[in-house]
Amino acid sequence: MEESMFEGGFGSPGPEDFANGAAALAAGLIREAQSLSQAAASLRSVAMSNPPGVASGEPLSDIRRARMVLATAGEAALRAALALDAAALLGEVRSTVEHAARIAEAAKRVGMPAATLAPALRAAALDFRTDDAAARIAASTLAADLCALLTQTRES
């Protein structure tokens, strides 16, 4: 190999890599939403009594426990909805700042701070299911930038 081949160095991820990275983040958010919605459904079923004739499973007798379980189920369902909304938004071609603003608006609609989505974005960037290194770098960069902007939105 010739040394002159690498004189210019290596470039950063290109537009296609960022599109692939955004798609991978969206897929990760959809997986997170699926987990959250399953948790919400399970929690809700714990709080409800079984119909007559169905064995096992008594309703929670302590109202405080039932309220906590139902509140947690509602929170999980809202987080799932927010993750799905953010996944759909990442499918649109926008700047990171515009994505963050739209995600912050979606969070506001469900009554949550924008930074609520930051852990799910970070997890989606880590749960990358391809060997495309440039897309992985782009997804990590996008997730880090979005998290910084979403956290900044909360602080301002």
Protein backbone atom coordinates (compact mmCIF):
# COMPACT_ATOMS: atom_id res chain seq x y z
CA MET A 1 0.00 0.00 0.00
CA GLU A 2 1.08 3.47 -0.70
CA GLU A 3 1.47 5.99 2.12
CA SER A 4 0.03 8.78 -0.04
CA MET A 5 -3.27 6.92 0.02
CA PHE A 6 -3.84 8.03 3.63
CA GLU A 7 -2.26 11.50 3.55
CA GLY A 8 -5.57 13.30 3.82
CA GLY A 9 -6.51 11.29 6.89
CA PHE A 10 -9.88 9.77 7.44
CA GLY A 11 -13.05 11.77 7.23
CA SER A 12 -15.94 11.90 9.61
CA PRO A 13 -19.24 10.15 8.94
CA GLY A 14 -21.07 11.47 5.92
CA PRO A 15 -24.75 12.29 5.39
CA GLU A 16 -25.63 8.66 4.56
CA ASP A 17 -23.90 7.50 7.75
CA PHE A 18 -25.88 10.00 9.81
CA ALA A 19 -29.10 8.83 8.15
CA ASN A 20 -28.21 5.23 8.99
CA GLY A 21 -27.25 6.26 12.53
CA ALA A 22 -30.57 8.08 12.99
CA ALA A 23 -32.42 5.01 11.70
CA ALA A 24 -30.53 2.80 14.17
CA LEU A 25 -31.37 5.19 17.03
CA ALA A 26 -35.01 5.14 15.96
CA ALA A 27 -35.00 1.33 15.94
CA GLY A 28 -33.47 1.34 19.43
CA LEU A 29 -36.14 3.75 20.65
CA ILE A 30 -38.83 1.48 19.21
CA ARG A 31 -37.34 -1.48 21.10
CA GLU A 32 -37.32 0.64 24.27
CA ALA A 33 -40.95 1.64 23.67
CA GLN A 34 -41.88 -2.01 23.25
CA SER A 35 -40.25 -2.91 26.57
CA LEU A 36 -41.91 0.01 28.33
CA SER A 37 -45.35 -0.81 26.93
CA GLN A 38 -45.00 -4.45 27.99
CA ALA A 39 -43.99 -3.30 31.47
CA ALA A 40 -46.97 -0.93 31.59
CA ALA A 41 -49.36 -3.70 30.56
CA SER A 42 -47.89 -6.10 33.12
CA LEU A 43 -48.12 -3.55 35.90
CA ARG A 44 -51.67 -2.72 34.98
CA SER A 45 -52.66 -6.38 35.03
CA VAL A 46 -51.14 -6.73 38.52
CA ALA A 47 -53.38 -3.96 39.82
CA MET A 48 -56.57 -5.37 38.31
CA SER A 49 -58.52 -8.23 39.77
CA ASN A 50 -59.21 -11.31 37.73
CA PRO A 51 -62.73 -11.86 36.44
CA PRO A 52 -64.89 -14.33 38.39
CA GLY A 53 -63.87 -17.90 37.76
CA VAL A 54 -60.25 -17.14 36.88
CA ALA A 55 -57.93 -18.75 39.37
CA SER A 56 -55.05 -17.05 41.16
CA GLY A 57 -54.20 -13.44 41.35
CA GLU A 58 -56.00 -11.31 43.85
CA PRO A 59 -56.24 -7.56 43.38
CA LEU A 60 -53.87 -5.48 45.43
CA SER A 61 -55.60 -5.00 48.76
CA ASP A 62 -53.60 -1.97 49.83
CA ILE A 63 -54.83 1.10 47.98
CA ARG A 64 -51.43 2.77 48.35
CA ARG A 65 -49.74 -0.10 46.55
CA ALA A 66 -52.39 -0.16 43.86
CA ARG A 67 -52.00 3.59 43.28
CA MET A 68 -48.24 3.24 43.02
CA VAL A 69 -48.50 0.34 40.56
CA LEU A 70 -51.03 2.20 38.39
CA ALA A 71 -48.98 5.41 38.48
CA THR A 72 -45.86 3.50 37.45
CA ALA A 73 -47.80 1.80 34.66
CA GLY A 74 -49.01 5.18 33.43
CA GLU A 75 -45.49 6.59 33.55
CA ALA A 76 -44.15 3.64 31.54
CA ALA A 77 -46.90 4.06 28.95
CA LEU A 78 -46.13 7.78 28.58
CA ARG A 79 -42.41 7.07 28.21
CA ALA A 80 -43.23 4.47 25.56
CA ALA A 81 -45.35 7.00 23.68
CA LEU A 82 -42.56 9.57 23.88
CA ALA A 83 -39.99 7.06 22.62
CA LEU A 84 -42.22 6.17 19.65
CA ASP A 85 -42.78 9.83 18.86
CA ALA A 86 -39.04 10.52 19.01
CA ALA A 87 -38.33 7.50 16.79
CA ALA A 88 -40.74 8.86 14.18
CA LEU A 89 -39.13 12.30 14.39
CA LEU A 90 -35.65 10.85 13.86
CA GLY A 91 -36.86 9.43 10.56
CA GLU A 92 -37.26 12.96 9.22
CA VAL A 93 -34.28 14.79 7.75
CA ARG A 94 -33.54 17.68 10.12
CA SER A 95 -30.64 19.22 11.96
CA THR A 96 -29.84 17.98 15.45
CA VAL A 97 -31.11 21.25 16.92
CA GLU A 98 -34.42 20.87 15.10
CA HIS A 99 -34.71 17.24 16.24
CA ALA A 100 -34.08 18.30 19.84
CA ALA A 101 -36.69 21.05 19.61
CA ARG A 102 -39.29 18.65 18.18
CA ILE A 103 -38.50 16.00 20.81
CA ALA A 104 -38.79 18.66 23.52
CA GLU A 105 -42.23 19.61 22.14
CA ALA A 106 -43.28 15.93 22.17
CA ALA A 107 -42.11 15.59 25.77
CA LYS A 108 -44.08 18.66 26.73
CA ARG A 109 -47.22 17.15 25.15
CA VAL A 110 -46.94 14.11 27.44
CA GLY A 111 -46.06 16.26 30.46
CA MET A 112 -42.46 15.15 30.84
CA PRO A 113 -39.16 17.01 30.76
CA ALA A 114 -37.28 16.70 27.47
CA ALA A 115 -34.31 15.12 29.27
CA THR A 116 -36.53 12.11 30.06
CA LEU A 117 -35.58 10.65 26.69
CA ALA A 118 -31.81 11.02 27.18
CA PRO A 119 -31.24 7.58 28.80
CA ALA A 120 -33.22 5.84 26.05
CA LEU A 121 -31.21 7.66 23.37
CA ARG A 122 -27.94 6.68 25.02
CA ALA A 123 -29.10 3.08 25.34
CA ALA A 124 -30.15 3.03 21.67
CA ALA A 125 -26.69 4.26 20.65
CA LEU A 126 -25.09 1.47 22.69
CA ASP A 127 -27.47 -1.22 21.42
CA PHE A 128 -26.31 -0.87 17.84
CA ARG A 129 -27.19 -3.91 15.75
CA THR A 130 -24.91 -3.57 12.76
CA ASP A 131 -21.22 -3.64 12.01
CA ASP A 132 -21.29 -0.32 10.12
CA ALA A 133 -18.63 1.59 12.06
CA ALA A 134 -19.35 4.95 10.42
CA ALA A 135 -23.07 4.67 11.20
CA ARG A 136 -22.21 3.64 14.77
CA ILE A 137 -20.06 6.76 15.17
CA ALA A 138 -22.79 8.89 13.62
CA ALA A 139 -25.43 7.40 15.95
CA SER A 140 -23.24 7.98 19.01
CA THR A 141 -22.55 11.54 17.91
CA LEU A 142 -26.23 12.21 17.22
CA ALA A 143 -27.30 10.69 20.54
CA ALA A 144 -24.69 12.66 22.49
CA ASP A 145 -25.64 15.92 20.77
CA LEU A 146 -29.36 15.30 21.28
CA CYS A 147 -28.85 14.42 24.95
CA ALA A 148 -26.83 17.58 25.50
CA LEU A 149 -29.51 19.70 23.83
CA LEU A 150 -32.39 17.98 25.64
CA THR A 151 -30.65 18.39 29.00
CA GLN A 152 -29.93 22.02 28.16
CA THR A 153 -33.62 22.53 27.34
CA ARG A 154 -34.50 21.30 30.82
CA GLU A 155 -32.02 23.62 32.51
CA SER A 156 -33.08 26.75 30.65
